[in-house]
């Protein structure tokens, strides 16, 4: 199992309907199979995610955030890790808003 504790991620690419950008910073913590992250930056004033990681390092998560328009947004996401040649982690994310228009999207987050 991949240990995400203490890892910092930043979006490298996101769908147009995402609120994340390269200015968004995710700080991950892990306790057993439970993964959490606080994040902020860009269009996001404050966000939090919680998820479960499996033996392959895939995280099934739920997230909520307050954007710069003071809207509370929620969603769900599956993050699949790729280990890059430099040993850093790239997360391939498939997500869906559970608030607002309930649209879907994809993002790529790279470990700093």
C-alpha atoms as a PDB file:
ATOM      1  CA  UNK A   1       0.000   0.000   0.000  1.00  0.00           C
ATOM      2  CA  UNK A   2       1.204   3.506  -0.807  1.00  0.00           C
ATOM      3  CA  UNK A   3       1.617   5.746   2.228  1.00  0.00           C
ATOM      4  CA  UNK A   4       0.271   9.224   1.455  1.00  0.00           C
ATOM      5  CA  UNK A   5       1.086  10.660   4.887  1.00  0.00           C
ATOM      6  CA  UNK A   6       2.864  14.012   4.572  1.00  0.00           C
ATOM      7  CA  UNK A   7       2.651  14.102   0.769  1.00  0.00           C
ATOM      8  CA  UNK A   8       1.879  17.414  -0.921  1.00  0.00           C
ATOM      9  CA  UNK A   9       0.093  17.472  -4.285  1.00  0.00           C
ATOM     10  CA  UNK A  10      -0.704  20.191  -6.806  1.00  0.00           C
ATOM     11  CA  UNK A  11      -2.970  19.872  -9.873  1.00  0.00           C
ATOM     12  CA  UNK A  12      -1.084  19.595 -13.167  1.00  0.00           C
ATOM     13  CA  UNK A  13      -4.254  19.359 -15.262  1.00  0.00           C
ATOM     14  CA  UNK A  14      -8.013  19.572 -14.585  1.00  0.00           C
ATOM     15  CA  UNK A  15     -11.280  19.570 -16.512  1.00  0.00           C
ATOM     16  CA  UNK A  16     -12.779  23.005 -17.212  1.00  0.00           C
ATOM     17  CA  UNK A  17     -15.555  22.416 -14.641  1.00  0.00           C
ATOM     18  CA  UNK A  18     -13.036  21.890 -11.819  1.00  0.00           C
ATOM     19  CA  UNK A  19     -12.410  24.525  -9.165  1.00  0.00           C
ATOM     20  CA  UNK A  20      -8.787  23.403  -8.713  1.00  0.00           C
ATOM     21  CA  UNK A  21      -5.787  24.925 -10.467  1.00  0.00           C
ATOM     22  CA  UNK A  22      -2.007  24.856 -10.149  1.00  0.00           C
ATOM     23  CA  UNK A  23      -2.491  27.325  -7.267  1.00  0.00           C
ATOM     24  CA  UNK A  24      -4.358  24.671  -5.234  1.00  0.00           C
ATOM     25  CA  UNK A  25      -2.224  22.791  -2.700  1.00  0.00           C
ATOM     26  CA  UNK A  26      -3.335  19.491  -1.128  1.00  0.00           C
ATOM     27  CA  UNK A  27      -1.616  18.310   2.083  1.00  0.00           C
ATOM     28  CA  UNK A  28      -2.325  14.611   2.666  1.00  0.00           C
ATOM     29  CA  UNK A  29      -2.364  12.671   5.929  1.00  0.00           C
ATOM     30  CA  UNK A  30      -2.871   8.937   6.357  1.00  0.00           C
ATOM     31  CA  UNK A  31      -3.783   6.791   9.364  1.00  0.00           C
ATOM     32  CA  UNK A  32      -4.077   3.143   8.360  1.00  0.00           C
ATOM     33  CA  UNK A  33      -6.433   2.989   5.388  1.00  0.00           C
ATOM     34  CA  UNK A  34      -7.927   6.441   6.095  1.00  0.00           C
ATOM     35  CA  UNK A  35      -6.599   9.302   3.982  1.00  0.00           C
ATOM     36  CA  UNK A  36      -7.467  12.954   4.616  1.00  0.00           C
ATOM     37  CA  UNK A  37      -6.354  16.223   3.090  1.00  0.00           C
ATOM     38  CA  UNK A  38      -6.819  19.898   3.727  1.00  0.00           C
ATOM     39  CA  UNK A  39      -6.483  22.040   0.632  1.00  0.00           C
ATOM     40  CA  UNK A  40      -6.672  25.665  -0.427  1.00  0.00           C
ATOM     41  CA  UNK A  41      -5.668  27.973  -3.250  1.00  0.00           C
ATOM     42  CA  UNK A  42      -6.971  29.392  -6.499  1.00  0.00           C
ATOM     43  CA  UNK A  43     -10.788  29.358  -6.515  1.00  0.00           C
ATOM     44  CA  UNK A  44     -10.881  27.360  -3.251  1.00  0.00           C
ATOM     45  CA  UNK A  45     -10.901  29.193   0.081  1.00  0.00           C
ATOM     46  CA  UNK A  46     -10.865  25.974   2.108  1.00  0.00           C
ATOM     47  CA  UNK A  47     -11.418  22.324   1.334  1.00  0.00           C
ATOM     48  CA  UNK A  48     -11.231  18.930   2.976  1.00  0.00           C
ATOM     49  CA  UNK A  49     -11.332  15.377   1.701  1.00  0.00           C
ATOM     50  CA  UNK A  50     -11.591  12.002   3.389  1.00  0.00           C
ATOM     51  CA  UNK A  51     -11.153   8.629   1.776  1.00  0.00           C
ATOM     52  CA  UNK A  52     -10.120   5.023   2.009  1.00  0.00           C
ATOM     53  CA  UNK A  53      -7.010   3.692   0.288  1.00  0.00           C
ATOM     54  CA  UNK A  54      -6.783   0.070  -0.871  1.00  0.00           C
ATOM     55  CA  UNK A  55      -3.750  -2.213  -1.229  1.00  0.00           C
ATOM     56  CA  UNK A  56      -3.113  -0.876  -4.768  1.00  0.00           C
ATOM     57  CA  UNK A  57      -3.010   2.726  -3.522  1.00  0.00           C
ATOM     58  CA  UNK A  58      -6.347   3.676  -5.085  1.00  0.00           C
ATOM     59  CA  UNK A  59      -8.263   6.197  -2.974  1.00  0.00           C
ATOM     60  CA  UNK A  60     -12.069   6.362  -2.907  1.00  0.00           C
ATOM     61  CA  UNK A  61     -12.901   9.743  -1.433  1.00  0.00           C
ATOM     62  CA  UNK A  62     -15.503  12.382  -0.727  1.00  0.00           C
ATOM     63  CA  UNK A  63     -14.705  16.090  -0.616  1.00  0.00           C
ATOM     64  CA  UNK A  64     -16.261  19.394   0.350  1.00  0.00           C
ATOM     65  CA  UNK A  65     -14.993  22.901  -0.176  1.00  0.00           C
ATOM     66  CA  UNK A  66     -15.932  26.564  -0.007  1.00  0.00           C
ATOM     67  CA  UNK A  67     -15.028  28.486  -3.145  1.00  0.00           C
ATOM     68  CA  UNK A  68     -14.213  32.170  -3.618  1.00  0.00           C
ATOM     69  CA  UNK A  69     -17.930  32.809  -4.379  1.00  0.00           C
ATOM     70  CA  UNK A  70     -18.702  31.484  -0.851  1.00  0.00           C
ATOM     71  CA  UNK A  71     -20.490  28.444  -2.265  1.00  0.00           C
ATOM     72  CA  UNK A  72     -20.274  25.100  -0.478  1.00  0.00           C
ATOM     73  CA  UNK A  73     -19.448  22.431  -3.065  1.00  0.00           C
ATOM     74  CA  UNK A  74     -19.301  18.654  -2.568  1.00  0.00           C
ATOM     75  CA  UNK A  75     -18.160  15.714  -4.628  1.00  0.00           C
ATOM     76  CA  UNK A  76     -16.765  12.208  -4.893  1.00  0.00           C
ATOM     77  CA  UNK A  77     -13.564  11.024  -6.508  1.00  0.00           C
ATOM     78  CA  UNK A  78     -11.488   7.962  -7.334  1.00  0.00           C
ATOM     79  CA  UNK A  79      -7.721   8.627  -7.382  1.00  0.00           C
ATOM     80  CA  UNK A  80      -5.462   6.076  -9.067  1.00  0.00           C
ATOM     81  CA  UNK A  81      -1.727   6.446  -8.414  1.00  0.00           C
ATOM     82  CA  UNK A  82       1.104   6.230 -10.930  1.00  0.00           C
ATOM     83  CA  UNK A  83       4.681   6.093  -9.653  1.00  0.00           C
ATOM     84  CA  UNK A  84       6.822   8.340 -11.835  1.00  0.00           C
ATOM     85  CA  UNK A  85      10.468   7.536 -12.773  1.00  0.00           C
ATOM     86  CA  UNK A  86      11.655  10.017 -10.104  1.00  0.00           C
ATOM     87  CA  UNK A  87       9.706   8.074  -7.439  1.00  0.00           C
ATOM     88  CA  UNK A  88       7.062  10.784  -7.019  1.00  0.00           C
ATOM     89  CA  UNK A  89       3.340   9.974  -7.173  1.00  0.00           C
ATOM     90  CA  UNK A  90       0.960  11.173  -9.886  1.00  0.00           C
ATOM     91  CA  UNK A  91      -2.756  10.825  -9.085  1.00  0.00           C
ATOM     92  CA  UNK A  92      -5.194  10.264 -11.956  1.00  0.00           C
ATOM     93  CA  UNK A  93      -8.568  11.410 -10.671  1.00  0.00           C
ATOM     94  CA  UNK A  94     -12.084  10.746 -11.937  1.00  0.00           C
ATOM     95  CA  UNK A  95     -14.566  12.860 -10.018  1.00  0.00           C
ATOM     96  CA  UNK A  96     -18.146  14.032  -9.905  1.00  0.00           C
ATOM     97  CA  UNK A  97     -19.822  16.962  -8.223  1.00  0.00           C
ATOM     98  CA  UNK A  98     -22.573  15.845  -5.838  1.00  0.00           C
ATOM     99  CA  UNK A  99     -23.748  19.461  -5.620  1.00  0.00           C
ATOM    100  CA  UNK A 100     -24.345  22.067  -8.302  1.00  0.00           C
ATOM    101  CA  UNK A 101     -24.670  20.640 -11.811  1.00  0.00           C
ATOM    102  CA  UNK A 102     -23.436  17.151 -10.764  1.00  0.00           C
ATOM    103  CA  UNK A 103     -21.064  17.099 -13.749  1.00  0.00           C
ATOM    104  CA  UNK A 104     -18.026  14.805 -14.001  1.00  0.00           C
ATOM    105  CA  UNK A 105     -14.398  15.534 -14.703  1.00  0.00           C
ATOM    106  CA  UNK A 106     -10.797  14.377 -14.628  1.00  0.00           C
ATOM    107  CA  UNK A 107      -7.744  15.814 -12.922  1.00  0.00           C
ATOM    108  CA  UNK A 108      -4.079  14.948 -12.602  1.00  0.00           C
ATOM    109  CA  UNK A 109      -2.287  15.808  -9.359  1.00  0.00           C
ATOM    110  CA  UNK A 110       1.497  15.615  -9.054  1.00  0.00           C
ATOM    111  CA  UNK A 111       3.426  15.184  -5.832  1.00  0.00           C
ATOM    112  CA  UNK A 112       5.719  18.103  -5.087  1.00  0.00           C
END
